[in-house]
Protein backbone atom coordinates (compact mmCIF):
# COMPACT_ATOMS: atom_id res chain seq x y z
CA UNK A 1 -7.05 8.90 17.84
CA UNK A 2 -4.89 11.95 18.51
CA UNK A 3 -2.50 10.01 20.74
CA UNK A 4 -1.72 7.46 18.03
CA UNK A 5 1.80 6.79 16.85
CA UNK A 6 1.60 6.10 13.11
CA UNK A 7 4.08 4.15 11.02
CA UNK A 8 4.11 5.06 7.32
CA UNK A 9 5.66 2.28 5.23
CA UNK A 10 6.88 3.39 1.79
CA UNK A 11 8.09 0.59 -0.51
CA UNK A 12 10.59 1.87 -3.07
CA UNK A 13 12.33 0.70 -6.20
CA UNK A 14 14.53 3.25 -8.02
CA UNK A 15 12.72 6.27 -6.59
CA UNK A 16 15.69 8.63 -6.19
CA UNK A 17 13.88 11.38 -8.15
CA UNK A 18 10.87 11.58 -5.84
CA UNK A 19 11.65 10.00 -2.47
CA UNK A 20 12.92 13.20 -0.81
CA UNK A 21 9.79 15.07 -1.95
CA UNK A 22 7.58 12.26 -0.68
CA UNK A 23 9.23 12.18 2.75
CA UNK A 24 9.00 15.98 2.98
CA UNK A 25 5.27 15.91 2.15
CA UNK A 26 4.53 13.23 4.77
CA UNK A 27 6.60 15.05 7.38
CA UNK A 28 4.87 18.35 6.60
CA UNK A 29 1.41 16.80 6.95
CA UNK A 30 2.26 15.17 10.28
CA UNK A 31 3.60 18.51 11.55
CA UNK A 32 0.49 20.42 10.40
CA UNK A 33 -1.83 17.89 12.05
CA UNK A 34 0.30 17.53 15.20
CA UNK A 35 0.64 13.79 14.59
CA UNK A 36 3.44 11.57 15.86
CA UNK A 37 4.97 8.82 13.78
CA UNK A 38 7.76 7.36 11.74
CA UNK A 39 8.48 6.89 8.06
CA UNK A 40 9.85 3.49 7.06
CA UNK A 41 11.42 3.50 3.60
CA UNK A 42 11.96 -0.02 2.31
CA UNK A 43 14.42 -0.11 -0.59
CA UNK A 44 13.59 -3.16 -2.70
CA UNK A 45 16.98 -3.64 -4.36
CA UNK A 46 17.17 -0.26 -6.06
CA UNK A 47 20.02 0.35 -8.47
CA UNK A 48 20.04 4.09 -7.81
CA UNK A 49 20.47 6.35 -4.78
CA UNK A 50 16.97 5.94 -3.32
CA UNK A 51 18.25 4.99 0.14
CA UNK A 52 20.88 7.73 0.16
CA UNK A 53 18.37 10.41 -0.85
CA UNK A 54 15.92 9.21 1.78
CA UNK A 55 18.54 9.22 4.54
CA UNK A 56 19.65 12.75 3.63
CA UNK A 57 16.19 14.31 3.93
CA UNK A 58 15.83 16.52 7.02
CA UNK A 59 12.63 15.78 8.96
CA UNK A 60 10.93 16.18 12.31
CA UNK A 61 9.80 12.55 12.09
CA UNK A 62 12.03 9.54 12.54
CA UNK A 63 12.96 8.03 9.17
CA UNK A 64 14.07 4.41 9.04
CA UNK A 65 15.77 3.01 5.95
CA UNK A 66 15.46 -0.73 5.38
CA UNK A 67 17.11 -2.54 2.49
CA UNK A 68 16.55 -5.90 0.85
CA UNK A 69 17.58 -7.69 -2.30
CA UNK A 70 14.93 -7.15 -4.97
CA UNK A 71 11.98 -9.35 -4.03
CA UNK A 72 8.94 -7.30 -4.94
CA UNK A 73 6.51 -4.76 -3.55
CA UNK A 74 4.73 -7.26 -1.32
CA UNK A 75 7.96 -8.35 0.32
CA UNK A 76 8.96 -4.70 0.84
CA UNK A 77 5.66 -3.78 2.49
CA UNK A 78 5.80 -6.89 4.68
CA UNK A 79 9.33 -6.03 5.82
CA UNK A 80 8.28 -2.47 6.65
CA UNK A 81 5.16 -3.53 8.54
CA UNK A 82 7.00 -6.15 10.59
CA UNK A 83 9.60 -3.54 11.57
CA UNK A 84 7.10 -0.83 12.47
CA UNK A 85 6.38 0.61 15.92
CA UNK A 86 3.04 2.34 15.39
CA UNK A 87 -0.33 1.37 16.77
CA UNK A 88 -1.57 2.41 13.31
CA UNK A 89 0.31 1.34 10.18
CA UNK A 90 -0.16 2.94 6.79
CA UNK A 91 1.48 1.80 3.61
CA UNK A 92 1.66 4.25 0.75
CA UNK A 93 3.10 4.17 -2.73
CA UNK A 94 6.23 6.28 -3.08
CA UNK A 95 4.64 8.62 -5.62
CA UNK A 96 1.80 9.59 -3.22
CA UNK A 97 -0.79 9.15 -5.96
CA UNK A 98 -3.18 9.08 -3.01
CA UNK A 99 -2.19 12.10 -0.96
CA UNK A 100 -1.15 11.63 2.65
CA UNK A 101 -3.94 14.03 3.71
CA UNK A 102 -6.41 11.12 3.41
CA UNK A 103 -4.83 9.68 6.54
CA UNK A 104 -7.04 11.91 8.68
CA UNK A 105 -10.34 10.55 7.37
CA UNK A 106 -8.98 6.99 7.38
CA UNK A 107 -8.09 7.35 11.06
CA UNK A 108 -11.67 8.42 11.80
CA UNK A 109 -12.93 5.29 10.03
CA UNK A 110 -10.64 3.13 12.16
CA UNK A 111 -11.81 4.98 15.26
CA UNK A 112 -15.39 4.13 14.24
CA UNK A 113 -14.56 0.42 14.34
CA UNK A 114 -12.76 -0.67 11.18
CA UNK A 115 -9.63 -2.80 11.42
CA UNK A 116 -8.42 -1.82 7.96
CA UNK A 117 -9.25 1.07 5.61
CA UNK A 118 -8.31 0.85 1.93
CA UNK A 119 -8.28 3.55 -0.73
CA UNK A 120 -10.28 2.85 -3.87
CA UNK A 121 -10.19 4.32 -7.37
CA UNK A 122 -13.49 2.64 -8.25
CA UNK A 123 -16.04 4.10 -5.84
CA UNK A 124 -18.73 6.59 -6.96
CA UNK A 125 -16.88 9.43 -5.19
CA UNK A 126 -13.46 8.47 -6.59
CA UNK A 127 -11.66 10.68 -9.10
CA UNK A 128 -8.66 9.94 -11.32
CA UNK A 129 -6.63 13.02 -12.26
CA UNK A 130 -5.91 12.62 -15.12
CA UNK A 131 -7.60 9.35 -16.15
CA UNK A 132 -5.22 6.44 -16.68
CA UNK A 133 -4.10 5.65 -20.24
CA UNK A 134 -6.47 3.40 -22.20
CA UNK A 135 -4.22 0.33 -22.01
CA UNK A 136 -3.94 0.53 -18.22
CA UNK A 137 -7.72 0.96 -17.89
CA UNK A 138 -8.32 -2.17 -20.00
CA UNK A 139 -5.74 -4.19 -18.06
CA UNK A 140 -7.18 -2.91 -14.78
CA UNK A 141 -10.67 -4.04 -15.80
CA UNK A 142 -9.47 -7.57 -16.58
CA UNK A 143 -7.44 -7.71 -13.36
CA UNK A 144 -10.45 -6.74 -11.25
CA UNK A 145 -12.67 -9.21 -13.09
CA UNK A 146 -10.25 -12.09 -12.52
CA UNK A 147 -9.84 -11.23 -8.83
CA UNK A 148 -13.61 -11.08 -8.31
CA UNK A 149 -14.16 -14.30 -10.24
CA UNK A 150 -11.40 -16.42 -8.71
CA UNK A 151 -10.83 -15.07 -5.21
CA UNK A 152 -13.32 -12.60 -3.73
CA UNK A 153 -16.03 -10.12 -4.64
CA UNK A 154 -15.85 -7.99 -1.52
CA UNK A 155 -13.84 -5.07 -2.93
CA UNK A 156 -14.05 -2.78 -5.95
CA UNK A 157 -10.32 -1.95 -5.98
CA UNK A 158 -7.78 -4.17 -4.23
CA UNK A 159 -4.68 -2.56 -5.72
CA UNK A 160 -4.70 1.10 -4.72
CA UNK A 161 -1.47 1.69 -2.82
CA UNK A 162 -2.81 3.40 0.30
CA UNK A 163 -4.06 1.20 3.16
CA UNK A 164 -4.30 1.79 6.90
CA UNK A 165 -4.19 -1.00 9.49
CA UNK A 166 -4.65 -1.29 13.20
CA UNK A 167 -1.43 -2.76 14.57
CA UNK A 168 -3.31 -5.81 15.83
CA UNK A 169 -4.72 -6.51 12.36
CA UNK A 170 -1.38 -6.07 10.61
CA UNK A 171 0.28 -8.27 13.21
CA UNK A 172 -2.04 -11.15 12.36
CA UNK A 173 -2.03 -10.73 8.57
CA UNK A 174 1.51 -9.94 7.46
CA UNK A 175 3.33 -12.89 9.09
CA UNK A 176 1.05 -15.11 6.97
CA UNK A 177 1.66 -13.22 3.71
CA UNK A 178 3.37 -15.31 1.01
CA UNK A 179 2.99 -13.09 -2.08
CA UNK A 180 6.10 -10.98 -2.75
CA UNK A 181 4.90 -9.14 -5.86
CA UNK A 182 2.21 -6.64 -6.91
CA UNK A 183 -0.70 -8.98 -6.12
CA UNK A 184 0.08 -9.07 -2.40
CA UNK A 185 -2.85 -6.72 -1.63
CA UNK A 186 -5.26 -9.46 -2.72
CA UNK A 187 -3.80 -11.97 -0.29
CA UNK A 188 -3.77 -9.34 2.49
CA UNK A 189 -7.47 -8.60 1.99
CA UNK A 190 -8.39 -12.27 1.65
CA UNK A 191 -6.63 -13.02 4.94
CA UNK A 192 -8.36 -10.06 6.58
CA UNK A 193 -11.79 -11.37 5.62
CA UNK A 194 -10.83 -14.93 6.57
CA UNK A 195 -9.79 -13.69 10.01
CA UNK A 196 -13.08 -11.86 10.46
CA UNK A 197 -11.70 -8.32 10.28
CA UNK A 198 -13.75 -5.29 9.31
CA UNK A 199 -12.39 -3.68 6.13
CA UNK A 200 -13.74 -0.35 4.86
CA UNK A 201 -13.21 0.84 1.27
CA UNK A 202 -13.06 4.60 0.68
CA UNK A 203 -13.04 6.57 -2.57
CA UNK A 204 -10.11 8.93 -3.10
CA UNK A 205 -8.70 11.38 -5.60
CA UNK A 206 -5.94 9.43 -7.29
CA UNK A 207 -3.34 11.34 -9.29
CA UNK A 208 -1.66 9.44 -12.10
CA UNK A 209 2.10 9.83 -11.70
CA UNK A 210 4.51 10.18 -14.61
CA UNK A 211 7.16 8.63 -12.34
CA UNK A 212 5.33 5.29 -12.04
CA UNK A 213 7.57 2.24 -12.45
CA UNK A 214 4.68 0.01 -13.51
CA UNK A 215 5.21 -1.73 -16.87
CA UNK A 216 1.64 -2.45 -17.99
CA UNK A 217 2.20 -5.60 -20.05
CA UNK A 218 5.09 -7.28 -18.21
CA UNK A 219 3.81 -6.47 -14.73
CA UNK A 220 0.26 -7.50 -15.65
CA UNK A 221 1.52 -10.91 -16.75
CA UNK A 222 3.35 -11.30 -13.44
CA UNK A 223 0.21 -10.13 -11.65
CA UNK A 224 -1.95 -12.79 -13.31
CA UNK A 225 0.55 -15.51 -12.38
CA UNK A 226 0.55 -14.31 -8.76
CA UNK A 227 -3.27 -14.35 -8.70
CA UNK A 228 -3.34 -18.00 -9.73
CA UNK A 229 -0.70 -18.87 -7.11
CA UNK A 230 -2.81 -17.10 -4.47
CA UNK A 231 -5.84 -19.07 -5.67
CA UNK A 232 -3.91 -22.34 -5.27
CA UNK A 233 -2.84 -21.40 -1.74
CA UNK A 234 -6.39 -20.44 -0.83
CA UNK A 235 -7.69 -23.76 -2.18
CA UNK A 236 -5.10 -25.65 -0.14
CA UNK A 237 -5.88 -23.55 2.92
CA UNK A 238 -9.60 -24.29 2.65
CA UNK A 239 -9.25 -28.01 1.94
């Protein structure tokens, strides 16, 4: 897929400390691999200079800056995807806990027939460097258990922030997406399976970032609420 144009959507909230470094790393990888694409930074109501820092970064790639009032990660990714130009669309967390270099192997998986490729921290070949703190591991276990019990058992890790889509797949899924918050990945993957798409899950090396904005207790509570809302929408959709 060497002739692909790839859109990289990066949802951001108060990422002024790392966004320039992230853009530089993506741009460097695309240059090394002779890839063409764009970086779409979606500022989800940041109170700092995330957008300004992103706009100031010098790159070979086109960098688009989109802004919205704070709505949540799901809404930010949706906005970026719906404003993308690529025939492949990747969304990546701003801290690049999954390095952009995985894009190459993900593209090969798409070329082999997958519509979507998702990174996973829970495959046999996956590695966490360093392991997450104990509280986050416990919360993650309960989150995965609830998702598998209430919604779907197809995936070992729905929440890793590195997913690649064919444009056609993203174009069918994201206009239907209703979840604005952290649990949006679950609805995306549910819709993908409902629409008969082929989704591949791939183990990655995931590096725990000290710059993470995740608040384990508060965000987990919000996550659980979003899961139940997704479950209600799925029940209504199937009835």
